[in-house]
Each structure stands twice: as structure tokens, then as C-alpha cells.
Amino acid sequence: MPIDGFHMKPNTMTVRAYDETPKHITGSIEIDLVIKPQLFLVTLQVMDIYPSYNMLLGKPWIHAIDAVASSLH
């Protein structure tokens, strides 16, 4: 299924929300993320939810570019 030029791969994984309810992952996409001068291949899980938290925390590419998320302050 194309999403704005990306091909979504099927995914049958289920994750648990903070309230312990199961949430299904619709699929996953891989994107090239360019943060000059580095290029990262990032896999993102696609979910049909309204998140109230930041899903980017703890990702290796964030630490590789010495970024600090504002929620860590």
C-alpha cells in the first residue's frame, strides 16, 4: 500500500499501550532520513492511533547526531 511514495510492508506485531491495552501495528515503512552530513535508514511502524507521547525517544539515529529531545530536559 503506497503512502505518499512509500511502500508499506505488512506487519502483524501488536504492542501494548501505557494502559496495557493491545494496539495493532498496521505496517512498517523504511525511509532515508538525511541529517547532514549523515544518512540514516529508519524503519517506522504505522499505527492508527492518536498518540499522546513522542515515539522518537530512544532511537539510535537521534543519539548519533547528538540531538536531545525537549522532553528530556
C-alpha atoms as a PDB file:
ATOM      1  CA  MET A   1       0.000   0.000   0.000  1.00  0.00           C
ATOM      2  CA  PRO A   2       1.692   3.261  -1.082  1.00  0.00           C
ATOM      3  CA  ILE A   3       1.775   6.123   1.417  1.00  0.00           C
ATOM      4  CA  ASP A   4       2.996   9.351  -0.203  1.00  0.00           C
ATOM      5  CA  GLY A   5       5.576   7.497  -2.284  1.00  0.00           C
ATOM      6  CA  PHE A   6       6.466   4.910   0.377  1.00  0.00           C
ATOM      7  CA  HIS A   7       5.578   1.244   0.219  1.00  0.00           C
ATOM      8  CA  MET A   8       4.121  -0.052   3.481  1.00  0.00           C
ATOM      9  CA  LYS A   9       5.114  -3.601   4.378  1.00  0.00           C
ATOM     10  CA  PRO A  10       2.605  -5.763   6.239  1.00  0.00           C
ATOM     11  CA  ASN A  11       3.210  -6.213   9.944  1.00  0.00           C
ATOM     12  CA  THR A  12       1.315  -8.408  12.394  1.00  0.00           C
ATOM     13  CA  MET A  13       3.028  -7.085  15.522  1.00  0.00           C
ATOM     14  CA  THR A  14       0.974  -5.943  18.484  1.00  0.00           C
ATOM     15  CA  VAL A  15       2.266  -3.525  21.100  1.00  0.00           C
ATOM     16  CA  ARG A  16       0.922  -2.559  24.496  1.00  0.00           C
ATOM     17  CA  ALA A  17      -0.049   0.994  25.316  1.00  0.00           C
ATOM     18  CA  TYR A  18       0.741   2.631  28.650  1.00  0.00           C
ATOM     19  CA  ASP A  19      -2.655   1.474  29.934  1.00  0.00           C
ATOM     20  CA  GLU A  20      -1.767  -2.135  28.927  1.00  0.00           C
ATOM     21  CA  THR A  21      -4.330  -2.232  26.065  1.00  0.00           C
ATOM     22  CA  PRO A  22      -3.104  -4.014  22.931  1.00  0.00           C
ATOM     23  CA  LYS A  23      -2.543  -1.847  19.844  1.00  0.00           C
ATOM     24  CA  HIS A  24      -2.037  -3.362  16.387  1.00  0.00           C
ATOM     25  CA  ILE A  25       0.629  -2.142  14.005  1.00  0.00           C
ATOM     26  CA  THR A  26      -0.820  -1.621  10.528  1.00  0.00           C
ATOM     27  CA  GLY A  27       2.535  -1.943   8.758  1.00  0.00           C
ATOM     28  CA  SER A  28       6.026  -0.537   8.539  1.00  0.00           C
ATOM     29  CA  ILE A  29       7.840   1.791   6.168  1.00  0.00           C
ATOM     30  CA  GLU A  30      11.538   2.442   5.649  1.00  0.00           C
ATOM     31  CA  ILE A  31      12.710   5.957   4.939  1.00  0.00           C
ATOM     32  CA  ASP A  32      16.048   7.579   4.251  1.00  0.00           C
ATOM     33  CA  LEU A  33      16.498  10.274   6.847  1.00  0.00           C
ATOM     34  CA  VAL A  34      19.123  12.852   5.954  1.00  0.00           C
ATOM     35  CA  ILE A  35      20.559  14.913   8.772  1.00  0.00           C
ATOM     36  CA  LYS A  36      23.599  16.415   7.102  1.00  0.00           C
ATOM     37  CA  PRO A  37      26.158  15.093   6.761  1.00  0.00           C
ATOM     38  CA  GLN A  38      24.723  11.696   7.788  1.00  0.00           C
ATOM     39  CA  LEU A  39      22.150   9.429   6.142  1.00  0.00           C
ATOM     40  CA  PHE A  40      20.089   7.005   8.260  1.00  0.00           C
ATOM     41  CA  LEU A  41      17.795   4.222   7.075  1.00  0.00           C
ATOM     42  CA  VAL A  42      14.922   4.377   9.581  1.00  0.00           C
ATOM     43  CA  THR A  43      12.110   1.837   9.935  1.00  0.00           C
ATOM     44  CA  LEU A  44       8.866   3.321  11.233  1.00  0.00           C
ATOM     45  CA  GLN A  45       5.820   1.384  12.434  1.00  0.00           C
ATOM     46  CA  VAL A  46       2.466   2.679  11.185  1.00  0.00           C
ATOM     47  CA  MET A  47      -0.391   2.685  13.689  1.00  0.00           C
ATOM     48  CA  ASP A  48      -3.923   4.057  13.534  1.00  0.00           C
ATOM     49  CA  ILE A  49      -3.857   5.872  16.888  1.00  0.00           C
ATOM     50  CA  TYR A  50      -3.845   9.341  18.406  1.00  0.00           C
ATOM     51  CA  PRO A  51      -0.564   9.286  20.350  1.00  0.00           C
ATOM     52  CA  SER A  52      -0.050  11.458  23.393  1.00  0.00           C
ATOM     53  CA  TYR A  53       3.675  10.780  23.581  1.00  0.00           C
ATOM     54  CA  ASN A  54       6.775  11.109  21.408  1.00  0.00           C
ATOM     55  CA  MET A  55       7.693   7.904  19.540  1.00  0.00           C
ATOM     56  CA  LEU A  56      11.160   9.173  18.583  1.00  0.00           C
ATOM     57  CA  LEU A  57      12.792   8.920  22.003  1.00  0.00           C
ATOM     58  CA  GLY A  58      15.465   6.256  22.290  1.00  0.00           C
ATOM     59  CA  LYS A  59      16.086   5.856  18.551  1.00  0.00           C
ATOM     60  CA  PRO A  60      19.787   5.281  17.735  1.00  0.00           C
ATOM     61  CA  TRP A  61      19.951   7.920  14.975  1.00  0.00           C
ATOM     62  CA  ILE A  62      18.841  10.650  17.398  1.00  0.00           C
ATOM     63  CA  HIS A  63      21.812   9.918  19.657  1.00  0.00           C
ATOM     64  CA  ALA A  64      24.184   9.605  16.681  1.00  0.00           C
ATOM     65  CA  ILE A  65      23.555  13.223  15.710  1.00  0.00           C
ATOM     66  CA  ASP A  66      23.907  14.374  19.346  1.00  0.00           C
ATOM     67  CA  ALA A  67      20.308  15.582  19.467  1.00  0.00           C
ATOM     68  CA  VAL A  68      18.490  15.962  22.757  1.00  0.00           C
ATOM     69  CA  ALA A  69      14.711  15.704  22.697  1.00  0.00           C
ATOM     70  CA  SER A  70      12.993  18.580  24.528  1.00  0.00           C
ATOM     71  CA  SER A  71      11.117  16.141  26.765  1.00  0.00           C
ATOM     72  CA  LEU A  72      14.456  15.020  28.272  1.00  0.00           C
ATOM     73  CA  HIS A  73      15.156  18.491  29.721  1.00  0.00           C
END
